[in-house]
Every structure is written in structure tokens, then in C-alpha cells.
Amino acid sequence: MPQSHPVHKREGPHERGSPTPRGSSPDLVTGLATSTTAGIELIEKLSGIRALNVLDQSSLPQLRAILKGTLNL
């Protein structure tokens, strides 16, 4: 029987996720689940992590800003 993974609730959207075993935490979720507005909203609601459809040209300014801030560019 497949095991379910617990959902970790956050205080609000766009907060950083739980630290990984190496002590870092994700800043962004991308991929197939972010191909719809509903998917993006669900990811952000359940995880508190920013989600972007990087194939959507209109999300590129947000992606650049996240990368600049995270990587201190």
C-alpha cells in the first residue's frame, strides 16, 4: 500500500519551506504542476513556497528577481 506524505502547513504563502537534511530550504517550485494557475495556487497554499511556470514568458521577471535575491547577484 502506498504511503502518503504529510503536508506541512505554513503561516502564509511565499514563506520558505522546511529545511532539507542539508539545512537548506527551497525558494521556488517549477515543473509540470505549475503549468496551470490552479496548480500554482495549490502548491503555494499547501507548501508556502513560491511556484512559477517558467515556460510562461510573463513569469521571467519574477524568476529573475528570485534568482537575484537568492544568489545575491
C-alpha atoms as a PDB file:
ATOM      1  CA  MET A   1       0.000   0.000   0.000  1.00  0.00           C
ATOM      2  CA  PRO A   2       1.475   3.396  -0.947  1.00  0.00           C
ATOM      3  CA  GLN A   3       2.439   5.691   1.886  1.00  0.00           C
ATOM      4  CA  SER A   4       1.121   9.208   1.948  1.00  0.00           C
ATOM      5  CA  HIS A   5       3.429  12.101   2.644  1.00  0.00           C
ATOM      6  CA  PRO A   6       2.455  14.586   5.348  1.00  0.00           C
ATOM      7  CA  VAL A   7       1.509  18.096   4.293  1.00  0.00           C
ATOM      8  CA  HIS A   8       3.390  20.735   6.250  1.00  0.00           C
ATOM      9  CA  LYS A   9       1.248  23.820   6.755  1.00  0.00           C
ATOM     10  CA  ARG A  10       2.851  27.253   6.761  1.00  0.00           C
ATOM     11  CA  GLU A  11       1.753  30.543   8.264  1.00  0.00           C
ATOM     12  CA  GLY A  12       1.126  32.092   4.841  1.00  0.00           C
ATOM     13  CA  PRO A  13       2.053  31.973   1.169  1.00  0.00           C
ATOM     14  CA  HIS A  14       5.548  32.674  -0.145  1.00  0.00           C
ATOM     15  CA  GLU A  15       7.343  31.669   3.038  1.00  0.00           C
ATOM     16  CA  ARG A  16      10.306  29.374   2.723  1.00  0.00           C
ATOM     17  CA  GLY A  17       9.739  25.660   3.072  1.00  0.00           C
ATOM     18  CA  SER A  18      11.071  23.294   5.705  1.00  0.00           C
ATOM     19  CA  PRO A  19      14.832  22.812   5.797  1.00  0.00           C
ATOM     20  CA  THR A  20      16.195  19.790   3.975  1.00  0.00           C
ATOM     21  CA  PRO A  21      18.572  17.353   5.680  1.00  0.00           C
ATOM     22  CA  ARG A  22      21.441  19.538   4.434  1.00  0.00           C
ATOM     23  CA  GLY A  23      19.959  22.613   6.109  1.00  0.00           C
ATOM     24  CA  SER A  24      18.752  24.438   3.003  1.00  0.00           C
ATOM     25  CA  SER A  25      15.147  25.083   2.039  1.00  0.00           C
ATOM     26  CA  PRO A  26      13.532  25.527  -1.381  1.00  0.00           C
ATOM     27  CA  ASP A  27      12.915  29.011  -2.728  1.00  0.00           C
ATOM     28  CA  LEU A  28      10.868  28.022  -5.754  1.00  0.00           C
ATOM     29  CA  VAL A  29       8.765  25.206  -7.230  1.00  0.00           C
ATOM     30  CA  THR A  30       8.687  24.702 -11.015  1.00  0.00           C
ATOM     31  CA  GLY A  31       7.697  21.875 -13.304  1.00  0.00           C
ATOM     32  CA  LEU A  32       4.592  20.202 -14.648  1.00  0.00           C
ATOM     33  CA  ALA A  33       2.485  21.002 -11.572  1.00  0.00           C
ATOM     34  CA  THR A  34       2.987  24.728 -12.246  1.00  0.00           C
ATOM     35  CA  SER A  35       1.570  24.628 -15.780  1.00  0.00           C
ATOM     36  CA  THR A  36      -1.827  25.896 -14.608  1.00  0.00           C
ATOM     37  CA  THR A  37      -2.934  28.708 -12.332  1.00  0.00           C
ATOM     38  CA  ALA A  38      -4.764  26.161 -10.171  1.00  0.00           C
ATOM     39  CA  GLY A  39      -1.568  24.124  -9.790  1.00  0.00           C
ATOM     40  CA  ILE A  40       0.441  27.198  -8.803  1.00  0.00           C
ATOM     41  CA  GLU A  41      -2.180  28.284  -6.271  1.00  0.00           C
ATOM     42  CA  LEU A  42      -2.390  24.799  -4.743  1.00  0.00           C
ATOM     43  CA  ILE A  43       1.394  24.466  -4.414  1.00  0.00           C
ATOM     44  CA  GLU A  44       1.670  27.871  -2.760  1.00  0.00           C
ATOM     45  CA  LYS A  45      -1.263  27.200  -0.442  1.00  0.00           C
ATOM     46  CA  LEU A  46      -0.092  23.768   0.698  1.00  0.00           C
ATOM     47  CA  SER A  47       3.651  24.369   0.869  1.00  0.00           C
ATOM     48  CA  GLY A  48       4.054  28.094   1.366  1.00  0.00           C
ATOM     49  CA  ILE A  49       6.724  28.034  -1.352  1.00  0.00           C
ATOM     50  CA  ARG A  50       6.619  30.322  -4.370  1.00  0.00           C
ATOM     51  CA  ALA A  51       5.613  28.474  -7.575  1.00  0.00           C
ATOM     52  CA  LEU A  52       6.223  29.649 -11.151  1.00  0.00           C
ATOM     53  CA  ASN A  53       5.545  28.332 -14.627  1.00  0.00           C
ATOM     54  CA  VAL A  54       8.962  29.097 -16.100  1.00  0.00           C
ATOM     55  CA  LEU A  55       7.689  28.305 -19.610  1.00  0.00           C
ATOM     56  CA  ASP A  56       5.372  31.325 -19.362  1.00  0.00           C
ATOM     57  CA  GLN A  57       7.277  34.385 -20.614  1.00  0.00           C
ATOM     58  CA  SER A  58       5.371  36.653 -18.226  1.00  0.00           C
ATOM     59  CA  SER A  59       6.919  34.848 -15.230  1.00  0.00           C
ATOM     60  CA  LEU A  60      10.505  35.598 -16.286  1.00  0.00           C
ATOM     61  CA  PRO A  61      10.772  38.943 -14.426  1.00  0.00           C
ATOM     62  CA  GLN A  62       9.668  37.173 -11.228  1.00  0.00           C
ATOM     63  CA  LEU A  63      12.165  34.363 -11.862  1.00  0.00           C
ATOM     64  CA  ARG A  64      14.982  36.868 -12.411  1.00  0.00           C
ATOM     65  CA  ALA A  65      14.095  38.697  -9.194  1.00  0.00           C
ATOM     66  CA  ILE A  66      14.037  35.439  -7.195  1.00  0.00           C
ATOM     67  CA  LEU A  67      17.394  34.366  -8.632  1.00  0.00           C
ATOM     68  CA  LYS A  68      18.956  37.776  -7.988  1.00  0.00           C
ATOM     69  CA  GLY A  69      17.763  37.822  -4.395  1.00  0.00           C
ATOM     70  CA  THR A  70      18.621  34.218  -3.644  1.00  0.00           C
ATOM     71  CA  LEU A  71      22.017  34.215  -5.327  1.00  0.00           C
ATOM     72  CA  ASN A  72      22.914  37.767  -4.244  1.00  0.00           C
ATOM     73  CA  LEU A  73      23.560  38.865  -7.836  1.00  0.00           C
END
